[in-house]
Amino acid sequence: MKNIGYKIILLFICIAVLCLATYSVAFADTVSPHFETSAKSAVVMERSSGRILFSKNEDARLPIASTTKIVTALTVLKNCDLNAVVEIPAEACGIEGSSIYLRSGEHLTVKELLYGLMLRSGNDAATALALHVGGSVERFADMMNNLAAELGLQNCHFANPHGLHDDQHYCSANDLAVLTREALNNKDFCEIVSTKTVRISNEGYEYDRVLVNKNKLLSNYDCADGVKTGYTKKAGRCFVGSATRNEMQVIVVVLNCGPMFEETAAMLNEAFEKYTLKTVVPLNKQCGSIEDNGVKRYFICPERIQYPLTDKEVAATQVVLDKEIRIIRVFVNKVVVREIELQEM
């Protein structure tokens, strides 16, 4: 009887342990986002905050093929009038790889060339823009590198505007996500990369060039709004995709990823399912006051602070107001994620 009693107790203990283990796994799945990718390197980022929701080998320096053109487009937009007319130089014609078949001497606007660059990945459009803006491919590449340096990036270097292979041309998934985030702050860039089909001029012919975007996510994923595909033998299939839902825009970078559209869509689904963009501090919220020579001075937060959070996360704020420091800090998981200087009312 005593042995039977021990066996019964042992059985109950085993059942309890098994139940606890099952509960722990289920609970973990509800708390921690579960991103997966076969990509050699990847990053999932929320655009407005820059929060990294997922990363894999994010700082590895890799070839990025035509996703380079995100940086090309941003460099052009920061340095050139969209309506400027470009006479296509002979040096821009017949570039290997993807092309919109430019002809020497024809005329297109910068915006038309940007459509050719971002929708059809035209290496000839990239070269024409580089020569127009930088005077030479080398000088334009310097401008691309200067832009990256201004953003504090250290794991990228650009040797050309199109992404054809060069041993000195590389970028990390993290740096490419940061560059894309910067580009998506530009409304003209957003308009171009979210366009599915467009007509541009075709000087000397009775019909226009019709450009269809290579980004299949725009047609196959609800709320997709960008940004760029890429492929070379060295880089493999590369993609930067974005989508916006409930005011939250998510950027996904995958480098050397065979099923790049499918895995990007899966990671976007995971991000939208597990994270919500929440307002932590409303616009112009009064955050406190100080007394200065008998006069009370009130301070507000000059912008709305939003941050992507899981349903298990809580954001906290701390206001520091004295004669020298007037800031509000936002904490998530006890880590400062934003710090903004307050303005006097």
Protein backbone atom coordinates (compact mmCIF):
# COMPACT_ATOMS: atom_id res chain seq x y z
CA MET A 1 0.00 0.00 0.00
CA LYS A 2 2.83 2.34 0.89
CA ASN A 3 4.42 1.79 -2.57
CA ILE A 4 1.09 2.46 -4.27
CA GLY A 5 0.79 5.73 -2.34
CA TYR A 6 4.25 6.85 -3.45
CA LYS A 7 3.40 5.97 -7.06
CA ILE A 8 0.20 8.02 -6.92
CA ILE A 9 2.06 11.03 -5.46
CA LEU A 10 4.76 10.69 -8.12
CA LEU A 11 2.09 10.53 -10.85
CA PHE A 12 0.47 13.74 -9.57
CA ILE A 13 3.85 15.48 -9.50
CA CYS A 14 4.57 14.45 -13.12
CA ILE A 15 1.15 15.67 -14.26
CA ALA A 16 1.68 19.00 -12.47
CA VAL A 17 5.12 19.49 -14.03
CA LEU A 18 3.74 18.65 -17.48
CA CYS A 19 0.88 21.13 -17.09
CA LEU A 20 3.24 23.85 -15.86
CA ALA A 21 5.55 23.28 -18.82
CA THR A 22 2.62 23.43 -21.23
CA TYR A 23 1.35 26.63 -19.63
CA SER A 24 4.81 28.21 -19.72
CA VAL A 25 5.20 27.55 -23.44
CA ALA A 26 1.74 28.91 -24.22
CA PHE A 27 2.33 31.98 -22.07
CA ALA A 28 5.71 32.63 -23.69
CA ASP A 29 4.08 32.55 -27.13
CA THR A 30 1.62 35.26 -26.07
CA VAL A 31 4.36 37.50 -24.68
CA SER A 32 7.27 37.21 -27.12
CA PRO A 33 6.85 37.93 -30.84
CA HIS A 34 7.99 34.95 -32.87
CA PHE A 35 9.71 36.13 -36.05
CA GLU A 36 11.37 33.63 -38.37
CA THR A 37 13.34 34.02 -41.59
CA SER A 38 15.74 32.06 -43.75
CA ALA A 39 17.48 35.32 -44.71
CA LYS A 40 21.19 35.61 -44.05
CA SER A 41 20.48 38.93 -42.36
CA ALA A 42 17.23 40.68 -41.43
CA VAL A 43 15.70 43.55 -39.50
CA VAL A 44 12.09 44.45 -38.66
CA MET A 45 11.73 48.10 -37.61
CA GLU A 46 8.81 50.36 -36.67
CA ARG A 47 9.36 53.52 -38.68
CA SER A 48 8.22 56.40 -36.44
CA SER A 49 10.19 55.29 -33.37
CA GLY A 50 12.98 53.33 -35.05
CA ARG A 51 12.36 50.49 -32.60
CA ILE A 52 13.86 47.19 -33.75
CA LEU A 53 11.17 44.53 -33.37
CA PHE A 54 13.36 41.70 -34.67
CA SER A 55 16.90 41.28 -35.99
CA LYS A 56 19.17 38.55 -37.29
CA ASN A 57 22.86 39.18 -38.06
CA GLU A 58 21.79 42.80 -38.34
CA ASP A 59 25.31 44.28 -38.44
CA ALA A 60 26.81 41.88 -40.99
CA ARG A 61 28.29 43.74 -43.96
CA LEU A 62 26.73 42.19 -47.06
CA PRO A 63 26.14 43.00 -50.74
CA ILE A 64 22.66 44.47 -51.10
CA ALA A 65 22.13 44.54 -54.89
CA SER A 66 19.48 47.02 -56.07
CA THR A 67 18.16 47.84 -52.61
CA THR A 68 21.08 50.28 -52.96
CA LYS A 69 18.68 52.41 -55.01
CA ILE A 70 16.85 53.44 -51.83
CA VAL A 71 19.99 55.37 -50.90
CA THR A 72 20.39 56.60 -54.48
CA ALA A 73 16.85 57.97 -54.53
CA LEU A 74 17.23 59.61 -51.12
CA THR A 75 20.51 61.25 -52.16
CA VAL A 76 18.86 62.60 -55.32
CA LEU A 77 15.82 63.89 -53.41
CA LYS A 78 18.02 65.74 -50.94
CA ASN A 79 20.07 67.40 -53.66
CA CYS A 80 17.90 67.91 -56.73
CA ASP A 81 14.68 69.45 -58.07
CA LEU A 82 12.21 66.76 -59.12
CA ASN A 83 11.12 68.80 -62.12
CA ALA A 84 14.65 69.35 -63.45
CA VAL A 85 15.09 68.00 -66.98
CA VAL A 86 17.96 65.60 -67.58
CA GLU A 87 19.55 65.08 -70.98
CA ILE A 88 20.63 61.46 -70.98
CA PRO A 89 24.39 61.13 -71.46
CA ALA A 90 25.89 58.32 -73.51
CA GLU A 91 27.63 56.99 -70.36
CA ALA A 92 24.21 56.14 -68.88
CA CYS A 93 23.11 53.97 -71.79
CA GLY A 94 23.64 50.24 -72.10
CA ILE A 95 24.44 49.62 -68.42
CA GLU A 96 24.30 45.89 -67.64
CA GLY A 97 21.40 44.43 -65.72
CA SER A 98 17.93 45.92 -65.23
CA SER A 99 17.17 48.80 -67.59
CA ILE A 100 14.46 51.19 -68.77
CA TYR A 101 16.38 51.41 -72.08
CA LEU A 102 17.40 55.05 -72.04
CA ARG A 103 18.80 56.53 -75.24
CA SER A 104 21.58 59.07 -75.48
CA GLY A 105 20.28 62.61 -75.93
CA GLU A 106 16.66 62.03 -74.88
CA HIS A 107 15.15 64.11 -72.09
CA LEU A 108 13.36 63.00 -68.91
CA THR A 109 12.63 64.75 -65.64
CA VAL A 110 14.36 63.72 -62.44
CA LYS A 111 11.03 62.39 -61.14
CA GLU A 112 10.56 60.22 -64.24
CA LEU A 113 14.05 58.80 -63.78
CA LEU A 114 13.26 58.10 -60.13
CA TYR A 115 10.24 56.09 -61.23
CA GLY A 116 12.50 54.17 -63.59
CA LEU A 117 14.97 53.68 -60.76
CA MET A 118 12.54 52.46 -58.10
CA LEU A 119 9.83 50.63 -60.08
CA ARG A 120 11.90 48.89 -62.77
CA SER A 121 15.27 49.07 -61.01
CA GLY A 122 16.87 50.71 -64.03
CA ASN A 123 20.65 50.72 -63.73
CA ASP A 124 20.71 53.21 -66.61
CA ALA A 125 18.35 55.50 -64.65
CA ALA A 126 20.63 55.19 -61.61
CA THR A 127 23.67 56.18 -63.66
CA ALA A 128 21.88 59.10 -65.36
CA LEU A 129 20.77 60.45 -61.98
CA ALA A 130 24.24 60.01 -60.48
CA LEU A 131 25.85 61.91 -63.34
CA HIS A 132 23.22 64.66 -63.18
CA VAL A 133 23.45 65.19 -59.43
CA GLY A 134 27.09 64.33 -58.70
CA GLY A 135 28.84 65.07 -61.99
CA SER A 136 30.38 61.59 -61.89
CA VAL A 137 29.52 58.18 -60.49
CA GLU A 138 32.43 58.43 -58.04
CA ARG A 139 31.36 61.83 -56.75
CA PHE A 140 27.77 60.65 -56.36
CA ALA A 141 28.93 57.59 -54.41
CA ASP A 142 30.77 60.01 -52.09
CA MET A 143 27.47 61.84 -51.57
CA MET A 144 25.76 58.55 -50.70
CA ASN A 145 28.48 57.75 -48.18
CA ASN A 146 28.26 61.25 -46.69
CA LEU A 147 24.53 60.78 -46.21
CA ALA A 148 25.13 57.50 -44.38
CA ALA A 149 27.77 59.16 -42.21
CA GLU A 150 25.36 61.98 -41.29
CA LEU A 151 22.98 59.32 -39.98
CA GLY A 152 25.78 57.83 -37.88
CA LEU A 153 25.99 54.57 -39.85
CA GLN A 154 29.20 52.55 -39.75
CA ASN A 155 28.45 49.28 -41.53
CA CYS A 156 27.85 50.49 -45.06
CA HIS A 157 29.90 51.78 -47.98
CA PHE A 158 28.67 52.57 -51.46
CA ALA A 159 30.75 52.45 -54.65
CA ASN A 160 27.99 53.01 -57.20
CA PRO A 161 24.33 54.11 -57.47
CA HIS A 162 22.85 50.84 -58.75
CA GLY A 163 24.20 47.99 -56.61
CA LEU A 164 26.02 45.96 -59.24
CA HIS A 165 28.68 43.97 -57.43
CA ASP A 166 31.77 45.70 -56.11
CA ASP A 167 33.82 44.39 -53.20
CA GLN A 168 33.72 47.87 -51.65
CA HIS A 169 29.94 48.12 -51.93
CA TYR A 170 28.05 46.72 -48.93
CA CYS A 171 25.56 47.50 -46.18
CA SER A 172 24.16 45.86 -43.07
CA ALA A 173 20.46 45.11 -42.68
CA ASN A 174 20.33 47.51 -39.73
CA ASP A 175 21.94 50.38 -41.66
CA LEU A 176 19.67 49.75 -44.63
CA ALA A 177 16.63 49.87 -42.32
CA VAL A 178 17.82 53.22 -40.91
CA LEU A 179 18.38 54.60 -44.42
CA THR A 180 14.93 53.39 -45.47
CA ARG A 181 13.37 54.95 -42.39
CA GLU A 182 14.96 58.27 -43.36
CA ALA A 183 13.75 57.91 -46.95
CA LEU A 184 10.18 57.14 -45.86
CA ASN A 185 10.10 60.50 -44.08
CA ASN A 186 10.18 62.06 -47.58
CA LYS A 187 6.70 62.32 -49.13
CA ASP A 188 8.02 62.24 -52.72
CA PHE A 189 9.93 59.04 -51.99
CA CYS A 190 6.79 57.50 -50.46
CA GLU A 191 4.71 58.46 -53.48
CA ILE A 192 7.19 56.91 -55.91
CA VAL A 193 7.83 53.60 -54.11
CA SER A 194 4.13 52.98 -53.44
CA THR A 195 3.21 53.39 -57.14
CA LYS A 196 2.24 50.14 -58.86
CA THR A 197 2.22 51.38 -62.47
CA VAL A 198 3.18 54.66 -64.10
CA ARG A 199 3.71 56.15 -67.56
CA ILE A 200 6.80 58.24 -68.28
CA SER A 201 8.01 59.97 -71.42
CA ASN A 202 9.59 58.14 -74.33
CA GLU A 203 10.97 60.94 -76.47
CA GLY A 204 10.88 60.26 -80.20
CA TYR A 205 8.11 57.65 -79.96
CA GLU A 206 4.33 57.98 -80.11
CA TYR A 207 3.84 55.85 -77.00
CA ASP A 208 5.00 56.29 -73.40
CA ARG A 209 7.16 53.97 -71.37
CA VAL A 210 4.90 51.97 -69.05
CA LEU A 211 6.64 50.97 -65.82
CA VAL A 212 5.24 48.20 -63.61
CA ASN A 213 6.66 47.95 -60.10
CA LYS A 214 8.70 44.79 -59.41
CA ASN A 215 7.60 44.89 -55.77
CA LYS A 216 4.94 42.14 -55.66
CA LEU A 217 4.10 43.00 -52.07
CA LEU A 218 2.22 46.09 -53.31
CA SER A 219 -0.34 43.86 -55.04
CA ASN A 220 -0.32 40.85 -52.73
CA TYR A 221 -0.24 42.34 -49.23
CA ASP A 222 -2.89 44.60 -47.75
CA CYS A 223 -1.53 48.00 -46.68
CA ALA A 224 1.87 47.49 -48.38
CA ASP A 225 3.42 50.80 -49.43
CA GLY A 226 7.07 50.17 -50.43
CA VAL A 227 9.94 49.86 -51.06
CA LYS A 228 12.60 48.03 -53.23
CA THR A 229 13.70 44.66 -54.59
CA GLY A 230 17.23 43.57 -55.47
CA TYR A 231 19.16 40.63 -56.88
CA THR A 232 22.68 39.72 -57.95
CA LYS A 233 24.40 36.35 -57.83
CA LYS A 234 26.66 37.56 -55.01
CA ALA A 235 23.90 39.23 -52.96
CA GLY A 236 21.13 36.73 -53.58
CA ARG A 237 17.53 37.91 -53.38
CA CYS A 238 17.26 41.07 -51.28
CA PHE A 239 14.18 43.04 -50.35
CA VAL A 240 13.09 45.99 -48.28
CA GLY A 241 9.34 46.04 -47.77
CA SER A 242 7.01 48.27 -45.80
CA ALA A 243 3.35 48.38 -44.84
CA THR A 244 1.17 50.65 -42.70
CA ARG A 245 -1.71 49.55 -40.52
CA ASN A 246 -3.48 51.49 -37.75
CA GLU A 247 -0.97 54.35 -38.18
CA MET A 248 1.99 52.02 -37.60
CA GLN A 249 4.44 51.63 -40.48
CA VAL A 250 6.74 48.63 -40.35
CA ILE A 251 9.94 48.23 -42.38
CA VAL A 252 11.30 44.74 -43.13
CA VAL A 253 14.80 44.19 -44.54
CA VAL A 254 15.84 40.73 -45.74
CA LEU A 255 19.23 40.09 -47.36
CA ASN A 256 20.00 36.90 -49.27
CA CYS A 257 16.52 35.46 -48.78
CA GLY A 258 15.02 33.06 -51.33
CA PRO A 259 11.28 33.48 -50.49
CA MET A 260 11.75 37.20 -49.82
CA PHE A 261 8.16 38.31 -50.46
CA GLU A 262 6.60 35.45 -48.48
CA GLU A 263 8.88 35.84 -45.46
CA THR A 264 8.53 39.61 -45.46
CA ALA A 265 4.73 39.24 -45.42
CA ALA A 266 4.96 36.74 -42.54
CA MET A 267 7.14 39.10 -40.49
CA LEU A 268 4.82 42.03 -41.21
CA ASN A 269 1.91 39.90 -39.97
CA GLU A 270 3.82 39.09 -36.79
CA ALA A 271 4.66 42.75 -36.19
CA PHE A 272 1.09 43.94 -36.67
CA GLU A 273 -0.30 41.11 -34.55
CA LYS A 274 2.01 41.58 -31.58
CA TYR A 275 2.66 45.35 -31.56
CA THR A 276 0.42 48.41 -31.38
CA LEU A 277 1.60 51.98 -31.88
CA LYS A 278 0.51 53.71 -28.68
CA THR A 279 0.55 57.38 -27.76
CA VAL A 280 2.72 57.74 -24.68
CA VAL A 281 2.68 61.54 -24.51
CA PRO A 282 0.01 63.58 -26.38
CA LEU A 283 0.97 66.60 -28.50
CA ASN A 284 1.37 69.79 -26.43
CA LYS A 285 0.79 67.96 -23.16
CA GLN A 286 1.55 70.22 -20.20
CA CYS A 287 4.35 68.45 -18.36
CA GLY A 288 5.03 70.77 -15.42
CA SER A 289 6.20 74.16 -14.31
CA ILE A 290 9.02 75.93 -12.53
CA GLU A 291 9.07 79.16 -10.58
CA ASP A 292 11.54 81.73 -11.83
CA ASN A 293 11.91 85.00 -9.89
CA GLY A 294 8.37 84.66 -8.59
CA VAL A 295 6.95 83.90 -12.04
CA LYS A 296 5.55 80.46 -12.84
CA ARG A 297 6.67 79.09 -16.21
CA TYR A 298 4.79 76.18 -17.79
CA PHE A 299 6.30 73.64 -20.19
CA ILE A 300 4.75 71.35 -22.80
CA CYS A 301 5.90 68.46 -24.97
CA PRO A 302 6.16 69.89 -28.51
CA GLU A 303 5.35 66.61 -30.26
CA ARG A 304 3.22 63.53 -29.84
CA ILE A 305 5.38 60.66 -28.62
CA GLN A 306 4.30 57.27 -29.93
CA TYR A 307 5.94 53.91 -29.41
CA PRO A 308 5.16 50.34 -30.54
CA LEU A 309 4.31 48.13 -27.57
CA THR A 310 3.15 44.58 -27.00
CA ASP A 311 0.11 44.09 -24.80
CA LYS A 312 2.48 43.09 -21.97
CA GLU A 313 4.61 46.24 -22.14
CA VAL A 314 3.98 49.55 -20.37
CA ALA A 315 5.68 52.83 -21.13
CA ALA A 316 6.57 55.23 -18.30
CA THR A 317 7.63 58.87 -18.38
CA GLN A 318 9.89 61.06 -16.30
CA VAL A 319 9.90 64.87 -16.43
CA VAL A 320 13.01 66.77 -15.40
CA LEU A 321 12.46 70.50 -14.92
CA ASP A 322 14.96 72.90 -13.44
CA LYS A 323 16.81 76.03 -14.53
CA GLU A 324 19.15 74.08 -16.82
CA ILE A 325 17.34 70.89 -17.86
CA ARG A 326 13.79 70.72 -19.28
CA ILE A 327 13.16 67.30 -20.74
CA ILE A 328 10.74 64.39 -20.76
CA ARG A 329 12.05 60.85 -20.91
CA VAL A 330 10.10 57.79 -22.03
CA PHE A 331 10.98 54.38 -20.56
CA VAL A 332 10.03 50.93 -21.81
CA ASN A 333 11.27 47.93 -19.83
CA LYS A 334 13.21 50.41 -17.66
CA VAL A 335 15.24 51.58 -20.68
CA VAL A 336 15.09 55.16 -22.01
CA VAL A 337 13.70 55.01 -25.55
CA ARG A 338 13.01 58.71 -26.18
CA GLU A 339 14.16 61.99 -24.68
CA ILE A 340 12.64 65.27 -25.84
CA GLU A 341 13.32 68.83 -24.81
CA LEU A 342 10.23 70.56 -23.46
CA GLN A 343 9.08 73.95 -24.72
CA GLU A 344 7.74 76.83 -22.68
CA MET A 345 4.09 77.64 -23.21
